[in-house]
Amino acid sequence: SETLPRRPESAGTARLLVRVALAAWNLDDLAEDG
């Protein structure tokens, strides 16, 4: 989890967080949709 500023640029950080979590769990097949 991460607290982010309520700004459009935060979408990029959120995407990175999702990709990192999915890679850590070996669920890379969900990365694009996530």
Full PDB file with SEQRES, HELIX, SHEET, SSBOND, CRYST1, ORIGX, SCALE, CONECT and MASTER records, all heavy atoms in Angstrom:
SEQRES   1 A   34  SER GLU THR LEU PRO ARG ARG PRO GLU SER ALA GLY THR          
SEQRES   2 A   34  ALA ARG LEU LEU VAL ARG VAL ALA LEU ALA ALA TRP ASN          
SEQRES   3 A   34  LEU ASP ASP LEU ALA GLU ASP GLY                              
HELIX    1 AA1 SER A   10  ALA A   24  1                                  15    
HELIX    2 AA2 ASP A   28  LEU A   30  5                                   3    
CRYST1    1.000    1.000    1.000  90.00  90.00  90.00 P 1           1          
ORIGX1      1.000000  0.000000  0.000000        0.00000                         
ORIGX2      0.000000  1.000000  0.000000        0.00000                         
ORIGX3      0.000000  0.000000  1.000000        0.00000                         
SCALE1      1.000000  0.000000  0.000000        0.00000                         
SCALE2      0.000000  1.000000  0.000000        0.00000                         
SCALE3      0.000000  0.000000  1.000000        0.00000                         
ATOM      1  N   SER A   1       0.837  -1.196   0.000  1.00  0.00           N  
ATOM      2  CA  SER A   1       0.000   0.000   0.000  1.00  0.00           C  
ATOM      3  C   SER A   1       0.871   1.245   0.000  1.00  0.00           C  
ATOM      4  O   SER A   1       2.030   1.202   0.424  1.00  0.00           O  
ATOM      5  CB  SER A   1      -0.941   0.013   1.206  1.00  0.00           C  
ATOM      6  OG  SER A   1      -0.219   0.033   2.405  1.00  0.00           O  
ATOM      7  N   GLU A   2       0.302   2.320  -0.493  1.00  0.00           N  
ATOM      8  CA  GLU A   2       1.016   3.584  -0.523  1.00  0.00           C  
ATOM      9  C   GLU A   2       0.008   4.728  -0.542  1.00  0.00           C  
ATOM     10  O   GLU A   2      -0.989   4.671  -1.252  1.00  0.00           O  
ATOM     11  CB  GLU A   2       1.927   3.659  -1.752  1.00  0.00           C  
ATOM     12  CG  GLU A   2       2.824   4.857  -1.740  1.00  0.00           C  
ATOM     13  CD  GLU A   2       3.955   4.752  -2.754  1.00  0.00           C  
ATOM     14  OE1 GLU A   2       4.144   3.693  -3.363  1.00  0.00           O  
ATOM     15  OE2 GLU A   2       4.659   5.757  -2.911  1.00  0.00           O  
ATOM     16  N   THR A   3       0.280   5.757   0.246  1.00  0.00           N  
ATOM     17  CA  THR A   3      -0.509   6.979   0.217  1.00  0.00           C  
ATOM     18  C   THR A   3       0.126   7.907  -0.801  1.00  0.00           C  
ATOM     19  O   THR A   3       1.344   8.135  -0.773  1.00  0.00           O  
ATOM     20  CB  THR A   3      -0.550   7.637   1.610  1.00  0.00           C  
ATOM     21  OG1 THR A   3      -1.167   6.719   2.523  1.00  0.00           O  
ATOM     22  CG2 THR A   3      -1.359   8.926   1.582  1.00  0.00           C  
ATOM     23  N   LEU A   4      -0.703   8.420  -1.698  1.00  0.00           N  
ATOM     24  CA  LEU A   4      -0.220   9.258  -2.796  1.00  0.00           C  
ATOM     25  C   LEU A   4      -0.971  10.584  -2.822  1.00  0.00           C  
ATOM     26  O   LEU A   4      -2.113  10.660  -2.372  1.00  0.00           O  
ATOM     27  CB  LEU A   4      -0.440   8.533  -4.129  1.00  0.00           C  
ATOM     28  CG  LEU A   4       0.220   7.169  -4.284  1.00  0.00           C  
ATOM     29  CD1 LEU A   4      -0.274   6.485  -5.545  1.00  0.00           C  
ATOM     30  CD2 LEU A   4       1.725   7.336  -4.311  1.00  0.00           C  
ATOM     31  N   PRO A   5      -0.351  11.609  -3.404  1.00  0.00           N  
ATOM     32  CA  PRO A   5      -1.083  12.860  -3.585  1.00  0.00           C  
ATOM     33  C   PRO A   5      -2.226  12.658  -4.573  1.00  0.00           C  
ATOM     34  O   PRO A   5      -2.115  11.852  -5.501  1.00  0.00           O  
ATOM     35  CB  PRO A   5      -0.032  13.824  -4.140  1.00  0.00           C  
ATOM     36  CG  PRO A   5       1.159  13.026  -4.465  1.00  0.00           C  
ATOM     37  CD  PRO A   5       1.005  11.664  -3.880  1.00  0.00           C  
ATOM     38  N   ARG A   6      -3.301  13.366  -4.375  1.00  0.00           N  
ATOM     39  CA  ARG A   6      -4.453  13.274  -5.280  1.00  0.00           C  
ATOM     40  C   ARG A   6      -4.183  14.151  -6.507  1.00  0.00           C  
ATOM     41  O   ARG A   6      -4.718  15.234  -6.658  1.00  0.00           O  
ATOM     42  CB  ARG A   6      -5.735  13.689  -4.559  1.00  0.00           C  
ATOM     43  CG  ARG A   6      -6.993  13.391  -5.387  1.00  0.00           C  
ATOM     44  CD  ARG A   6      -8.251  13.681  -4.625  1.00  0.00           C  
ATOM     45  NE  ARG A   6      -8.383  15.048  -4.192  1.00  0.00           N  
ATOM     46  CZ  ARG A   6      -8.983  16.019  -4.888  1.00  0.00           C  
ATOM     47  NH1 ARG A   6      -9.496  15.764  -6.074  1.00  0.00           N  
ATOM     48  NH2 ARG A   6      -9.054  17.229  -4.399  1.00  0.00           N  
ATOM     49  N   ARG A   7      -3.296  13.623  -7.355  1.00  0.00           N  
ATOM     50  CA  ARG A   7      -2.896  14.303  -8.588  1.00  0.00           C  
ATOM     51  C   ARG A   7      -2.822  13.272  -9.711  1.00  0.00           C  
ATOM     52  O   ARG A   7      -2.540  12.097  -9.464  1.00  0.00           O  
ATOM     53  CB  ARG A   7      -1.525  14.960  -8.411  1.00  0.00           C  
ATOM     54  CG  ARG A   7      -1.530  16.102  -7.424  1.00  0.00           C  
ATOM     55  CD  ARG A   7      -0.272  16.933  -7.541  1.00  0.00           C  
ATOM     56  NE  ARG A   7       0.935  16.130  -7.338  1.00  0.00           N  
ATOM     57  CZ  ARG A   7       1.754  16.262  -6.319  1.00  0.00           C  
ATOM     58  NH1 ARG A   7       1.524  17.163  -5.399  1.00  0.00           N  
ATOM     59  NH2 ARG A   7       2.820  15.501  -6.226  1.00  0.00           N  
ATOM     60  N   PRO A   8      -3.015  13.696 -10.950  1.00  0.00           N  
ATOM     61  CA  PRO A   8      -2.969  12.756 -12.073  1.00  0.00           C  
ATOM     62  C   PRO A   8      -1.669  11.964 -12.152  1.00  0.00           C  
ATOM     63  O   PRO A   8      -1.675  10.793 -12.529  1.00  0.00           O  
ATOM     64  CB  PRO A   8      -3.141  13.652 -13.306  1.00  0.00           C  
ATOM     65  CG  PRO A   8      -3.890  14.842 -12.800  1.00  0.00           C  
ATOM     66  CD  PRO A   8      -3.404  15.054 -11.384  1.00  0.00           C  
ATOM     67  N   GLU A   9      -0.549  12.575 -11.765  1.00  0.00           N  
ATOM     68  CA  GLU A   9       0.745  11.893 -11.843  1.00  0.00           C  
ATOM     69  C   GLU A   9       0.817  10.665 -10.936  1.00  0.00           C  
ATOM     70  O   GLU A   9       1.680   9.801 -11.114  1.00  0.00           O  
ATOM     71  CB  GLU A   9       1.888  12.838 -11.447  1.00  0.00           C  
ATOM     72  CG  GLU A   9       1.920  14.153 -12.188  1.00  0.00           C  
ATOM     73  CD  GLU A   9       1.025  15.209 -11.549  1.00  0.00           C  
ATOM     74  OE1 GLU A   9       1.223  15.580 -10.382  1.00  0.00           O  
ATOM     75  OE2 GLU A   9       0.109  15.653 -12.255  1.00  0.00           O  
ATOM     76  N   SER A  10      -0.046  10.590  -9.948  1.00  0.00           N  
ATOM     77  CA  SER A  10      -0.027   9.457  -9.017  1.00  0.00           C  
ATOM     78  C   SER A  10      -0.420   8.145  -9.683  1.00  0.00           C  
ATOM     79  O   SER A  10      -0.110   7.069  -9.171  1.00  0.00           O  
ATOM     80  CB  SER A  10      -0.931   9.738  -7.824  1.00  0.00           C  
ATOM     81  OG  SER A  10      -0.368  10.775  -7.037  1.00  0.00           O  
ATOM     82  N   ALA A  11      -1.079   8.215 -10.829  1.00  0.00           N  
ATOM     83  CA  ALA A  11      -1.451   6.987 -11.540  1.00  0.00           C  
ATOM     84  C   ALA A  11      -0.208   6.190 -11.924  1.00  0.00           C  
ATOM     85  O   ALA A  11      -0.198   4.959 -11.839  1.00  0.00           O  
ATOM     86  CB  ALA A  11      -2.287   7.310 -12.772  1.00  0.00           C  
ATOM     87  N   GLY A  12       0.876   6.868 -12.304  1.00  0.00           N  
ATOM     88  CA  GLY A  12       2.110   6.178 -12.665  1.00  0.00           C  
ATOM     89  C   GLY A  12       2.717   5.441 -11.482  1.00  0.00           C  
ATOM     90  O   GLY A  12       3.161   4.302 -11.606  1.00  0.00           O  
ATOM     91  N   THR A  13       2.722   6.079 -10.318  1.00  0.00           N  
ATOM     92  CA  THR A  13       3.239   5.434  -9.106  1.00  0.00           C  
ATOM     93  C   THR A  13       2.360   4.255  -8.723  1.00  0.00           C  
ATOM     94  O   THR A  13       2.861   3.202  -8.309  1.00  0.00           O  
ATOM     95  CB  THR A  13       3.310   6.450  -7.951  1.00  0.00           C  
ATOM     96  OG1 THR A  13       4.077   7.581  -8.381  1.00  0.00           O  
ATOM     97  CG2 THR A  13       3.933   5.840  -6.715  1.00  0.00           C  
ATOM     98  N   ALA A  14       1.053   4.410  -8.865  1.00  0.00           N  
ATOM     99  CA  ALA A  14       0.123   3.321  -8.544  1.00  0.00           C  
ATOM    100  C   ALA A  14       0.335   2.136  -9.476  1.00  0.00           C  
ATOM    101  O   ALA A  14       0.314   0.976  -9.035  1.00  0.00           O  
ATOM    102  CB  ALA A  14      -1.317   3.823  -8.631  1.00  0.00           C  
ATOM    103  N   ARG A  15       0.559   2.400 -10.756  1.00  0.00           N  
ATOM    104  CA  ARG A  15       0.828   1.305 -11.706  1.00  0.00           C  
ATOM    105  C   ARG A  15       2.097   0.555 -11.316  1.00  0.00           C  
ATOM    106  O   ARG A  15       2.143  -0.677 -11.353  1.00  0.00           O  
ATOM    107  CB  ARG A  15       0.951   1.850 -13.131  1.00  0.00           C  
ATOM    108  CG  ARG A  15      -0.358   2.228 -13.765  1.00  0.00           C  
ATOM    109  CD  ARG A  15      -0.217   2.523 -15.244  1.00  0.00           C  
ATOM    110  NE  ARG A  15       0.665   3.640 -15.529  1.00  0.00           N  
ATOM    111  CZ  ARG A  15       0.290   4.915 -15.586  1.00  0.00           C  
ATOM    112  NH1 ARG A  15      -0.977   5.239 -15.364  1.00  0.00           N  
ATOM    113  NH2 ARG A  15       1.158   5.855 -15.870  1.00  0.00           N  
ATOM    114  N   LEU A  16       3.131   1.301 -10.918  1.00  0.00           N  
ATOM    115  CA  LEU A  16       4.379   0.665 -10.502  1.00  0.00           C  
ATOM    116  C   LEU A  16       4.160  -0.199  -9.264  1.00  0.00           C  
ATOM    117  O   LEU A  16       4.673  -1.321  -9.186  1.00  0.00           O  
ATOM    118  CB  LEU A  16       5.441   1.736 -10.233  1.00  0.00           C  
ATOM    119  CG  LEU A  16       6.810   1.219  -9.804  1.00  0.00           C  
ATOM    120  CD1 LEU A  16       7.410   0.314 -10.870  1.00  0.00           C  
ATOM    121  CD2 LEU A  16       7.731   2.391  -9.508  1.00  0.00           C  
ATOM    122  N   LEU A  17       3.395   0.289  -8.307  1.00  0.00           N  
ATOM    123  CA  LEU A  17       3.101  -0.484  -7.100  1.00  0.00           C  
ATOM    124  C   LEU A  17       2.409  -1.799  -7.449  1.00  0.00           C  
ATOM    125  O   LEU A  17       2.763  -2.861  -6.933  1.00  0.00           O  
ATOM    126  CB  LEU A  17       2.230   0.339  -6.148  1.00  0.00           C  
ATOM    127  CG  LEU A  17       1.883  -0.326  -4.819  1.00  0.00           C  
ATOM    128  CD1 LEU A  17       3.124  -0.426  -3.936  1.00  0.00           C  
ATOM    129  CD2 LEU A  17       0.798   0.481  -4.111  1.00  0.00           C  
ATOM    130  N   VAL A  18       1.436  -1.742  -8.342  1.00  0.00           N  
ATOM    131  CA  VAL A  18       0.721  -2.946  -8.768  1.00  0.00           C  
ATOM    132  C   VAL A  18       1.681  -3.915  -9.455  1.00  0.00           C  
ATOM    133  O   VAL A  18       1.702  -5.116  -9.146  1.00  0.00           O  
ATOM    134  CB  VAL A  18      -0.466  -2.596  -9.690  1.00  0.00           C  
ATOM    135  CG1 VAL A  18      -1.021  -3.834 -10.385  1.00  0.00           C  
ATOM    136  CG2 VAL A  18      -1.558  -1.889  -8.898  1.00  0.00           C  
ATOM    137  N   ARG A  19       2.502  -3.418 -10.356  1.00  0.00           N  
ATOM    138  CA  ARG A  19       3.444  -4.280 -11.080  1.00  0.00           C  
ATOM    139  C   ARG A  19       4.454  -4.942 -10.135  1.00  0.00           C  
ATOM    140  O   ARG A  19       4.774  -6.117 -10.285  1.00  0.00           O  
ATOM    141  CB  ARG A  19       4.168  -3.490 -12.164  1.00  0.00           C  
ATOM    142  CG  ARG A  19       3.265  -3.115 -13.323  1.00  0.00           C  
ATOM    143  CD  ARG A  19       4.048  -2.339 -14.378  1.00  0.00           C  
ATOM    144  NE  ARG A  19       3.201  -1.797 -15.395  1.00  0.00           N  
ATOM    145  CZ  ARG A  19       2.718  -2.468 -16.427  1.00  0.00           C  
ATOM    146  NH1 ARG A  19       2.999  -3.744 -16.560  1.00  0.00           N  
ATOM    147  NH2 ARG A  19       1.955  -1.887 -17.321  1.00  0.00           N  
ATOM    148  N   VAL A  20       4.958  -4.175  -9.159  1.00  0.00           N  
ATOM    149  CA  VAL A  20       5.912  -4.721  -8.192  1.00  0.00           C  
ATOM    150  C   VAL A  20       5.255  -5.831  -7.369  1.00  0.00           C  
ATOM    151  O   VAL A  20       5.831  -6.905  -7.176  1.00  0.00           O  
ATOM    152  CB  VAL A  20       6.477  -3.608  -7.284  1.00  0.00           C  
ATOM    153  CG1 VAL A  20       7.189  -4.177  -6.066  1.00  0.00           C  
ATOM    154  CG2 VAL A  20       7.406  -2.702  -8.081  1.00  0.00           C  
ATOM    155  N   ALA A  21       4.055  -5.582  -6.876  1.00  0.00           N  
ATOM    156  CA  ALA A  21       3.352  -6.585  -6.072  1.00  0.00           C  
ATOM    157  C   ALA A  21       3.113  -7.856  -6.884  1.00  0.00           C  
ATOM    158  O   ALA A  21       3.375  -8.969  -6.415  1.00  0.00           O  
ATOM    159  CB  ALA A  21       2.032  -6.021  -5.554  1.00  0.00           C  
ATOM    160  N   LEU A  22       2.627  -7.693  -8.094  1.00  0.00           N  
ATOM    161  CA  LEU A  22       2.327  -8.866  -8.922  1.00  0.00           C  
ATOM    162  C   LEU A  22       3.591  -9.638  -9.285  1.00  0.00           C  
ATOM    163  O   LEU A  22       3.584 -10.875  -9.311  1.00  0.00           O  
ATOM    164  CB  LEU A  22       1.557  -8.447 -10.167  1.00  0.00           C  
ATOM    165  CG  LEU A  22       0.142  -7.911  -9.874  1.00  0.00           C  
ATOM    166  CD1 LEU A  22      -0.474  -7.319 -11.131  1.00  0.00           C  
ATOM    167  CD2 LEU A  22      -0.736  -8.986  -9.282  1.00  0.00           C  
ATOM    168  N   ALA A  23       4.684  -8.950  -9.534  1.00  0.00           N  
ATOM    169  CA  ALA A  23       5.949  -9.630  -9.825  1.00  0.00           C  
ATOM    170  C   ALA A  23       6.432 -10.401  -8.591  1.00  0.00           C  
ATOM    171  O   ALA A  23       6.905 -11.529  -8.710  1.00  0.00           O  
ATOM    172  CB  ALA A  23       7.006  -8.620 -10.273  1.00  0.00           C  
ATOM    173  N   ALA A  24       6.288  -9.799  -7.419  1.00  0.00           N  
ATOM    174  CA  ALA A  24       6.709 -10.469  -6.181  1.00  0.00           C  
ATOM    175  C   ALA A  24       5.915 -11.747  -5.947  1.00  0.00           C  
ATOM    176  O   ALA A  24       6.441 -12.707  -5.364  1.00  0.00           O  
ATOM    177  CB  ALA A  24       6.556  -9.526  -4.991  1.00  0.00           C  
ATOM    178  N   TRP A  25       4.673 -11.766  -6.394  1.00  0.00           N  
ATOM    179  CA  TRP A  25       3.813 -12.932  -6.197  1.00  0.00           C  
ATOM    180  C   TRP A  25       3.805 -13.868  -7.401  1.00  0.00           C  
ATOM    181  O   TRP A  25       2.990 -14.793  -7.479  1.00  0.00           O  
ATOM    182  CB  TRP A  25       2.393 -12.479  -5.891  1.00  0.00           C  
ATOM    183  CG  TRP A  25       2.262 -11.687  -4.632  1.00  0.00           C  
ATOM    184  CD1 TRP A  25       2.981 -11.853  -3.478  1.00  0.00           C  
ATOM    185  CD2 TRP A  25       1.378 -10.593  -4.394  1.00  0.00           C  
ATOM    186  NE1 TRP A  25       2.577 -10.930  -2.540  1.00  0.00           N  
ATOM    187  CE2 TRP A  25       1.596 -10.144  -3.065  1.00  0.00           C  
ATOM    188  CE3 TRP A  25       0.419  -9.945  -5.152  1.00  0.00           C  
ATOM    189  CZ2 TRP A  25       0.891  -9.081  -2.500  1.00  0.00           C  
ATOM    190  CZ3 TRP A  25      -0.286  -8.890  -4.595  1.00  0.00           C  
ATOM    191  CH2 TRP A  25      -0.052  -8.474  -3.283  1.00  0.00           C  
ATOM    192  N   ASN A  26       4.663 -13.617  -8.390  1.00  0.00           N  
ATOM    193  CA  ASN A  26       4.707 -14.413  -9.626  1.00  0.00           C  
ATOM    194  C   ASN A  26       3.351 -14.442 -10.336  1.00  0.00           C  
ATOM    195  O   ASN A  26       2.923 -15.488 -10.835  1.00  0.00           O  
ATOM    196  CB  ASN A  26       5.206 -15.838  -9.359  1.00  0.00           C  
ATOM    197  CG  ASN A  26       6.665 -15.858  -8.999  1.00  0.00           C  
ATOM    198  OD1 ASN A  26       7.461 -15.117  -9.574  1.00  0.00           O  
ATOM    199  ND2 ASN A  26       7.023 -16.681  -8.027  1.00  0.00           N  
ATOM    200  N   LEU A  27       2.700 -13.295 -10.339  1.00  0.00           N  
ATOM    201  CA  LEU A  27       1.406 -13.157 -11.023  1.00  0.00           C  
ATOM    202  C   LEU A  27       1.525 -12.131 -12.151  1.00  0.00           C  
ATOM    203  O   LEU A  27       0.641 -11.298 -12.359  1.00  0.00           O  
ATOM    204  CB  LEU A  27       0.316 -12.745 -10.026  1.00  0.00           C  
ATOM    205  CG  LEU A  27      -0.018 -13.777  -8.952  1.00  0.00           C  
ATOM    206  CD1 LEU A  27      -0.961 -13.184  -7.903  1.00  0.00           C  
ATOM    207  CD2 LEU A  27      -0.620 -15.026  -9.576  1.00  0.00           C  
ATOM    208  N   ASP A  28       2.630 -12.219 -12.886  1.00  0.00           N  
ATOM    209  CA  ASP A  28       2.905 -11.257 -13.955  1.00  0.00           C  
ATOM    210  C   ASP A  28       1.817 -11.239 -15.034  1.00  0.00           C  
ATOM    211  O   ASP A  28       1.647 -10.232 -15.720  1.00  0.00           O  
ATOM    212  CB  ASP A  28       4.261 -11.549 -14.594  1.00  0.00           C  
ATOM    213  CG  ASP A  28       5.390 -11.405 -13.599  1.00  0.00           C  
ATOM    214  OD1 ASP A  28       5.728 -10.260 -13.246  1.00  0.00           O  
ATOM    215  OD2 ASP A  28       5.908 -12.449 -13.156  1.00  0.00           O  
ATOM    216  N   ASP A  29       1.081 -12.340 -15.185  1.00  0.00           N  
ATOM    217  CA  ASP A  29       0.026 -12.392 -16.188  1.00  0.00           C  
ATOM    218  C   ASP A  29      -1.105 -11.406 -15.876  1.00  0.00           C  
ATOM    219  O   ASP A  29      -1.899 -11.074 -16.748  1.00  0.00           O  
ATOM    220  CB  ASP A  29      -0.524 -13.812 -16.348  1.00  0.00           C  
ATOM    221  CG  ASP A  29      -1.077 -14.402 -15.064  1.00  0.00           C  
ATOM    222  OD1 ASP A  29      -0.362 -14.359 -14.036  1.00  0.00           O  
ATOM    223  OD2 ASP A  29      -2.209 -14.918 -15.090  1.00  0.00           O  
ATOM    224  N   LEU A  30      -1.162 -10.893 -14.650  1.00  0.00           N  
ATOM    225  CA  LEU A  30      -2.189  -9.927 -14.263  1.00  0.00           C  
ATOM    226  C   LEU A  30      -1.710  -8.479 -14.354  1.00  0.00           C  
ATOM    227  O   LEU A  30      -2.482  -7.550 -14.118  1.00  0.00           O  
ATOM    228  CB  LEU A  30      -2.646 -10.194 -12.820  1.00  0.00           C  
ATOM    229  CG  LEU A  30      -3.271 -11.556 -12.553  1.00  0.00           C  
ATOM    230  CD1 LEU A  30      -3.588 -11.709 -11.072  1.00  0.00           C  
ATOM    231  CD2 LEU A  30      -4.512 -11.745 -13.408  1.00  0.00           C  
ATOM    232  N   ALA A  31      -0.428  -8.283 -14.697  1.00  0.00           N  
ATOM    233  CA  ALA A  31       0.176  -6.952 -14.610  1.00  0.00           C  
ATOM    234  C   ALA A  31      -0.484  -5.915 -15.522  1.00  0.00           C  
ATOM    235  O   ALA A  31      -0.748  -4.788 -15.087  1.00  0.00           O  
ATOM    236  CB  ALA A  31       1.672  -7.031 -14.890  1.00  0.00           C  
ATOM    237  N   GLU A  32      -0.734  -6.257 -16.760  1.00  0.00           N  
ATOM    238  CA  GLU A  32      -1.315  -5.270 -17.688  1.00  0.00           C  
ATOM    239  C   GLU A  32      -2.717  -4.854 -17.253  1.00  0.00           C  
ATOM    240  O   GLU A  32      -3.029  -3.670 -17.195  1.00  0.00           O  
ATOM    241  CB  GLU A  32      -1.333  -5.816 -19.124  1.00  0.00           C  
ATOM    242  CG  GLU A  32       0.034  -5.930 -19.741  1.00  0.00           C  
ATOM    243  CD  GLU A  32       0.803  -4.611 -19.757  1.00  0.00           C  
ATOM    244  OE1 GLU A  32       0.226  -3.575 -20.116  1.00  0.00           O  
ATOM    245  OE2 GLU A  32       1.993  -4.631 -19.386  1.00  0.00           O  
ATOM    246  N   ASP A  33      -3.560  -5.841 -16.946  1.00  0.00           N  
ATOM    247  CA  ASP A  33      -4.919  -5.524 -16.501  1.00  0.00           C  
ATOM    248  C   ASP A  33      -4.887  -4.774 -15.172  1.00  0.00           C  
ATOM    249  O   ASP A  33      -5.630  -3.807 -14.979  1.00  0.00           O  
ATOM    250  CB  ASP A  33      -5.764  -6.794 -16.361  1.00  0.00           C  
ATOM    251  CG  ASP A  33      -6.113  -7.407 -17.703  1.00  0.00           C  
ATOM    252  OD1 ASP A  33      -5.857  -6.772 -18.749  1.00  0.00           O  
ATOM    253  OD2 ASP A  33      -6.643  -8.540 -17.709  1.00  0.00           O  
ATOM    254  N   GLY A  34      -4.022  -5.206 -14.261  1.00  0.00           N  
ATOM    255  CA  GLY A  34      -3.925  -4.532 -12.963  1.00  0.00           C  
ATOM    256  C   GLY A  34      -3.483  -3.091 -13.092  1.00  0.00           C  
ATOM    257  O   GLY A  34      -4.026  -2.204 -12.430  1.00  0.00           O  
TER     258      GLY A  34                                                      
MASTER        0    0    0    2    0    0    0    6  257    1    0    3          
END                                                                             
